[in-house]
Amino acid sequence: MIGLKQGKVMLKEYDPDWANEYLKEKENLEKIFSGFNVDIQHIGSTSVKGCAAKPIIDISIGVESLEYGKLLIEPLEKAGYEYRGEAGVPGRLFLKKQTGEVQSHFIHIEQIDSESYKNHILFRDYLNNHPEEVIKYSQLKRKLAEIHFNDRERYTEEKAQFIYNIIKKAEML
């Protein structure tokens, strides 16, 4: 089961079905993007085996430029996504799929050679190859979720140093 009420922080233990949810959505996106040159990647905690996560599927769409990425907005809106601009992160285009107040999928359109895109992939791959770090990250997330269950921004801010440290370790490999 995926989806979370907007603005809330509620973690679920890892669910292998998240990968299937991603694959279903990827198949839909591949149809939507027929004729476009994109790289579709499952990112975020739902892409990390064993990681506690908010049950929202994060997807990065790598594109040659954000101008090119803007061409994807209209087809995504027709498919039920809501465009939210940069949503506080310069250098990306953000869309979300939501039913009522429940959000289920986030799309991050990013330039494929951008630091943000590369960091998403580095973080995911490093954690998937270092289960001891997944345990630490899940523990941190659980602690922060208890404190900031109604403040997603603060929850995200307080994870930033851990994420930064993992990316730095991944870059050294």
C-alpha atoms as a PDB file:
ATOM      1  CA  MET A   1       0.000   0.000   0.000  1.00  0.00           C
ATOM      2  CA  ILE A   2       1.356   3.384  -0.953  1.00  0.00           C
ATOM      3  CA  GLY A   3       0.277   6.923  -0.218  1.00  0.00           C
ATOM      4  CA  LEU A   4       0.480   9.461   2.575  1.00  0.00           C
ATOM      5  CA  LYS A   5      -1.562  12.481   3.571  1.00  0.00           C
ATOM      6  CA  GLN A   6       0.047  15.723   2.425  1.00  0.00           C
ATOM      7  CA  GLY A   7       2.395  17.345   4.954  1.00  0.00           C
ATOM      8  CA  LYS A   8       2.504  14.332   7.281  1.00  0.00           C
ATOM      9  CA  VAL A   9       5.501  12.221   8.183  1.00  0.00           C
ATOM     10  CA  MET A  10       4.624   8.603   8.745  1.00  0.00           C
ATOM     11  CA  LEU A  11       7.108   5.840   8.066  1.00  0.00           C
ATOM     12  CA  LYS A  12       6.426   2.264   7.124  1.00  0.00           C
ATOM     13  CA  GLU A  13       8.844  -0.610   7.319  1.00  0.00           C
ATOM     14  CA  TYR A  14      10.312  -1.655   3.996  1.00  0.00           C
ATOM     15  CA  ASP A  15       7.783  -3.262   1.679  1.00  0.00           C
ATOM     16  CA  PRO A  16       9.116  -5.227  -1.312  1.00  0.00           C
ATOM     17  CA  ASP A  17       5.916  -4.272  -3.141  1.00  0.00           C
ATOM     18  CA  TRP A  18       7.267  -0.715  -3.472  1.00  0.00           C
ATOM     19  CA  ALA A  19       9.516  -1.970  -6.269  1.00  0.00           C
ATOM     20  CA  ASN A  20       6.451  -3.389  -8.039  1.00  0.00           C
ATOM     21  CA  GLU A  21       4.585  -0.098  -7.606  1.00  0.00           C
ATOM     22  CA  TYR A  22       7.542   1.685  -9.182  1.00  0.00           C
ATOM     23  CA  LEU A  23       7.669  -0.771 -12.095  1.00  0.00           C
ATOM     24  CA  LYS A  24       3.943  -0.283 -12.766  1.00  0.00           C
ATOM     25  CA  GLU A  25       4.356   3.476 -12.785  1.00  0.00           C
ATOM     26  CA  LYS A  26       7.505   3.247 -14.917  1.00  0.00           C
ATOM     27  CA  GLU A  27       5.544   1.255 -17.495  1.00  0.00           C
ATOM     28  CA  ASN A  28       2.885   4.007 -17.551  1.00  0.00           C
ATOM     29  CA  LEU A  29       5.558   6.686 -17.857  1.00  0.00           C
ATOM     30  CA  GLU A  30       7.284   4.879 -20.729  1.00  0.00           C
ATOM     31  CA  LYS A  31       3.972   4.993 -22.636  1.00  0.00           C
ATOM     32  CA  ILE A  32       3.495   8.676 -21.805  1.00  0.00           C
ATOM     33  CA  PHE A  33       7.071   9.481 -22.856  1.00  0.00           C
ATOM     34  CA  SER A  34       7.018   7.497 -26.103  1.00  0.00           C
ATOM     35  CA  GLY A  35       9.251   9.449 -28.470  1.00  0.00           C
ATOM     36  CA  PHE A  36      10.999  11.382 -25.671  1.00  0.00           C
ATOM     37  CA  ASN A  37      14.602  10.805 -24.601  1.00  0.00           C
ATOM     38  CA  VAL A  38      14.394  10.240 -20.826  1.00  0.00           C
ATOM     39  CA  ASP A  39      16.021   8.125 -18.135  1.00  0.00           C
ATOM     40  CA  ILE A  40      13.492   6.904 -15.550  1.00  0.00           C
ATOM     41  CA  GLN A  41      14.918   5.948 -12.128  1.00  0.00           C
ATOM     42  CA  HIS A  42      13.378   4.806  -8.844  1.00  0.00           C
ATOM     43  CA  ILE A  43      14.922   6.996  -6.124  1.00  0.00           C
ATOM     44  CA  GLY A  44      14.330   7.816  -2.482  1.00  0.00           C
ATOM     45  CA  SER A  45      13.911   5.464   0.431  1.00  0.00           C
ATOM     46  CA  THR A  46      11.327   3.234  -1.258  1.00  0.00           C
ATOM     47  CA  SER A  47      14.110   2.288  -3.707  1.00  0.00           C
ATOM     48  CA  VAL A  48      16.401   1.064  -0.907  1.00  0.00           C
ATOM     49  CA  LYS A  49      16.014  -2.530   0.264  1.00  0.00           C
ATOM     50  CA  GLY A  50      15.267  -2.705   3.989  1.00  0.00           C
ATOM     51  CA  CYS A  51      14.816   1.048   4.474  1.00  0.00           C
ATOM     52  CA  ALA A  52      11.936   2.512   6.453  1.00  0.00           C
ATOM     53  CA  ALA A  53      10.189   5.075   4.267  1.00  0.00           C
ATOM     54  CA  LYS A  54       7.246   7.325   3.726  1.00  0.00           C
ATOM     55  CA  PRO A  55       5.090   5.187   1.399  1.00  0.00           C
ATOM     56  CA  ILE A  56       5.458   7.518  -1.583  1.00  0.00           C
ATOM     57  CA  ILE A  57       7.220   6.381  -4.754  1.00  0.00           C
ATOM     58  CA  ASP A  58       9.883   8.906  -5.819  1.00  0.00           C
ATOM     59  CA  ILE A  59      10.864   8.839  -9.478  1.00  0.00           C
ATOM     60  CA  SER A  60      13.600  10.834 -11.146  1.00  0.00           C
ATOM     61  CA  ILE A  61      13.263  11.602 -14.824  1.00  0.00           C
ATOM     62  CA  GLY A  62      16.677  12.426 -16.261  1.00  0.00           C
ATOM     63  CA  VAL A  63      16.577  14.766 -19.252  1.00  0.00           C
ATOM     64  CA  GLU A  64      19.163  16.572 -21.381  1.00  0.00           C
ATOM     65  CA  SER A  65      17.969  19.986 -20.158  1.00  0.00           C
ATOM     66  CA  LEU A  66      15.206  21.431 -18.033  1.00  0.00           C
ATOM     67  CA  GLU A  67      13.860  23.173 -21.128  1.00  0.00           C
ATOM     68  CA  TYR A  68      13.444  19.724 -22.677  1.00  0.00           C
ATOM     69  CA  GLY A  69      11.974  18.514 -19.377  1.00  0.00           C
ATOM     70  CA  LYS A  70       9.258  21.178 -19.570  1.00  0.00           C
ATOM     71  CA  LEU A  71       7.887  19.299 -22.586  1.00  0.00           C
ATOM     72  CA  LEU A  72       7.004  16.429 -20.215  1.00  0.00           C
ATOM     73  CA  ILE A  73       4.792  18.523 -17.931  1.00  0.00           C
ATOM     74  CA  GLU A  74       1.659  18.589 -20.091  1.00  0.00           C
ATOM     75  CA  PRO A  75       1.607  14.817 -20.775  1.00  0.00           C
ATOM     76  CA  LEU A  76       2.174  14.172 -17.055  1.00  0.00           C
ATOM     77  CA  GLU A  77      -0.659  16.515 -16.106  1.00  0.00           C
ATOM     78  CA  LYS A  78      -2.957  14.649 -18.514  1.00  0.00           C
ATOM     79  CA  ALA A  79      -1.925  11.439 -16.703  1.00  0.00           C
ATOM     80  CA  GLY A  80      -3.008  12.820 -13.316  1.00  0.00           C
ATOM     81  CA  TYR A  81       0.127  14.533 -12.037  1.00  0.00           C
ATOM     82  CA  GLU A  82       0.069  18.038 -10.600  1.00  0.00           C
ATOM     83  CA  TYR A  83       2.932  20.350 -11.561  1.00  0.00           C
ATOM     84  CA  ARG A  84       4.446  22.218  -8.601  1.00  0.00           C
ATOM     85  CA  GLY A  85       7.333  24.151 -10.214  1.00  0.00           C
ATOM     86  CA  GLU A  86      10.671  23.711  -8.466  1.00  0.00           C
ATOM     87  CA  ALA A  87       8.923  23.064  -5.126  1.00  0.00           C
ATOM     88  CA  GLY A  88      11.781  24.665  -3.220  1.00  0.00           C
ATOM     89  CA  VAL A  89      14.608  22.898  -5.053  1.00  0.00           C
ATOM     90  CA  PRO A  90      16.244  24.971  -7.789  1.00  0.00           C
ATOM     91  CA  GLY A  91      17.187  22.992 -10.873  1.00  0.00           C
ATOM     92  CA  ARG A  92      14.317  20.531 -10.900  1.00  0.00           C
ATOM     93  CA  LEU A  93      10.724  20.345 -12.039  1.00  0.00           C
ATOM     94  CA  PHE A  94       8.456  18.636  -9.517  1.00  0.00           C
ATOM     95  CA  LEU A  95       5.134  16.886  -9.986  1.00  0.00           C
ATOM     96  CA  LYS A  96       3.017  14.811  -7.663  1.00  0.00           C
ATOM     97  CA  LYS A  97       0.207  12.324  -8.058  1.00  0.00           C
ATOM     98  CA  GLN A  98      -2.461  12.745  -5.429  1.00  0.00           C
ATOM     99  CA  THR A  99      -5.956  11.411  -4.759  1.00  0.00           C
ATOM    100  CA  GLY A 100      -7.797  13.695  -2.360  1.00  0.00           C
ATOM    101  CA  GLU A 101      -5.221  14.515   0.320  1.00  0.00           C
ATOM    102  CA  VAL A 102      -3.205  11.324  -0.243  1.00  0.00           C
ATOM    103  CA  GLN A 103      -0.001  11.629  -2.256  1.00  0.00           C
ATOM    104  CA  SER A 104       1.334   8.465  -3.880  1.00  0.00           C
ATOM    105  CA  HIS A 105       4.034   9.411  -6.400  1.00  0.00           C
ATOM    106  CA  PHE A 106       6.557  12.239  -6.727  1.00  0.00           C
ATOM    107  CA  ILE A 107       8.341  12.976  -9.989  1.00  0.00           C
ATOM    108  CA  HIS A 108      11.585  14.935 -10.069  1.00  0.00           C
ATOM    109  CA  ILE A 109      12.529  16.039 -13.591  1.00  0.00           C
ATOM    110  CA  GLU A 110      16.254  16.756 -13.478  1.00  0.00           C
ATOM    111  CA  GLN A 111      19.018  17.412 -15.926  1.00  0.00           C
ATOM    112  CA  ILE A 112      20.844  14.108 -16.290  1.00  0.00           C
ATOM    113  CA  ASP A 113      24.272  15.653 -15.714  1.00  0.00           C
ATOM    114  CA  SER A 114      23.129  17.702 -12.686  1.00  0.00           C
ATOM    115  CA  GLU A 115      24.465  17.208  -9.192  1.00  0.00           C
ATOM    116  CA  SER A 116      20.948  16.537  -7.910  1.00  0.00           C
ATOM    117  CA  TYR A 117      20.322  13.718 -10.376  1.00  0.00           C
ATOM    118  CA  LYS A 118      23.715  12.154  -9.739  1.00  0.00           C
ATOM    119  CA  ASN A 119      23.262  12.433  -5.957  1.00  0.00           C
ATOM    120  CA  HIS A 120      19.919  10.615  -6.075  1.00  0.00           C
ATOM    121  CA  ILE A 121      21.554   7.691  -7.875  1.00  0.00           C
ATOM    122  CA  LEU A 122      24.707   7.705  -5.705  1.00  0.00           C
ATOM    123  CA  PHE A 123      22.666   7.726  -2.494  1.00  0.00           C
ATOM    124  CA  ARG A 124      20.353   4.911  -3.611  1.00  0.00           C
ATOM    125  CA  ASP A 125      23.144   2.709  -4.921  1.00  0.00           C
ATOM    126  CA  TYR A 126      25.406   3.237  -1.912  1.00  0.00           C
ATOM    127  CA  LEU A 127      22.665   2.342   0.558  1.00  0.00           C
ATOM    128  CA  ASN A 128      21.632  -0.710  -1.449  1.00  0.00           C
ATOM    129  CA  ASN A 129      25.233  -1.933  -1.184  1.00  0.00           C
ATOM    130  CA  HIS A 130      25.732  -1.012   2.504  1.00  0.00           C
ATOM    131  CA  PRO A 131      22.944  -2.493   4.659  1.00  0.00           C
ATOM    132  CA  GLU A 132      24.614  -1.244   7.855  1.00  0.00           C
ATOM    133  CA  GLU A 133      24.036   2.334   6.638  1.00  0.00           C
ATOM    134  CA  VAL A 134      20.396   1.495   5.835  1.00  0.00           C
ATOM    135  CA  ILE A 135      19.917   0.486   9.480  1.00  0.00           C
ATOM    136  CA  LYS A 136      21.424   3.782  10.696  1.00  0.00           C
ATOM    137  CA  TYR A 137      19.382   5.818   8.218  1.00  0.00           C
ATOM    138  CA  SER A 138      16.142   4.039   9.166  1.00  0.00           C
ATOM    139  CA  GLN A 139      16.834   4.628  12.870  1.00  0.00           C
ATOM    140  CA  LEU A 140      17.446   8.327  12.239  1.00  0.00           C
ATOM    141  CA  LYS A 141      14.288   8.605  10.154  1.00  0.00           C
ATOM    142  CA  ARG A 142      12.156   6.892  12.814  1.00  0.00           C
ATOM    143  CA  LYS A 143      13.476   9.247  15.497  1.00  0.00           C
ATOM    144  CA  LEU A 144      12.844  12.320  13.339  1.00  0.00           C
ATOM    145  CA  ALA A 145       9.387  11.089  12.310  1.00  0.00           C
ATOM    146  CA  GLU A 146       8.369  10.854  15.972  1.00  0.00           C
ATOM    147  CA  ILE A 147       9.490  14.428  16.619  1.00  0.00           C
ATOM    148  CA  HIS A 148       8.354  16.020  13.323  1.00  0.00           C
ATOM    149  CA  PHE A 149       5.268  13.984  12.343  1.00  0.00           C
ATOM    150  CA  ASN A 150       3.443  17.191  11.325  1.00  0.00           C
ATOM    151  CA  ASP A 151       6.425  19.030   9.826  1.00  0.00           C
ATOM    152  CA  ARG A 152       7.768  17.379   6.694  1.00  0.00           C
ATOM    153  CA  GLU A 153      10.141  20.278   5.948  1.00  0.00           C
ATOM    154  CA  ARG A 154      11.864  20.015   9.316  1.00  0.00           C
ATOM    155  CA  TYR A 155      12.013  16.218   9.053  1.00  0.00           C
ATOM    156  CA  THR A 156      13.721  16.583   5.655  1.00  0.00           C
ATOM    157  CA  GLU A 157      16.140  19.274   6.871  1.00  0.00           C
ATOM    158  CA  GLU A 158      17.311  17.152   9.785  1.00  0.00           C
ATOM    159  CA  LYS A 159      18.141  14.194   7.506  1.00  0.00           C
ATOM    160  CA  ALA A 160      20.280  16.366   5.244  1.00  0.00           C
ATOM    161  CA  GLN A 161      23.633  15.887   7.009  1.00  0.00           C
ATOM    162  CA  PHE A 162      23.306  12.095   6.989  1.00  0.00           C
ATOM    163  CA  ILE A 163      22.417  12.136   3.283  1.00  0.00           C
ATOM    164  CA  TYR A 164      25.337  14.462   2.524  1.00  0.00           C
ATOM    165  CA  ASN A 165      27.745  12.142   4.362  1.00  0.00           C
ATOM    166  CA  ILE A 166      26.521   9.100   2.423  1.00  0.00           C
ATOM    167  CA  ILE A 167      26.909  10.909  -0.896  1.00  0.00           C
ATOM    168  CA  LYS A 168      30.475  11.881   0.042  1.00  0.00           C
ATOM    169  CA  LYS A 169      31.272   8.244   0.885  1.00  0.00           C
ATOM    170  CA  ALA A 170      29.742   7.132  -2.420  1.00  0.00           C
ATOM    171  CA  GLU A 171      31.809   9.656  -4.384  1.00  0.00           C
ATOM    172  CA  MET A 172      35.004   8.229  -2.884  1.00  0.00           C
ATOM    173  CA  LEU A 173      34.320   4.759  -4.325  1.00  0.00           C
END
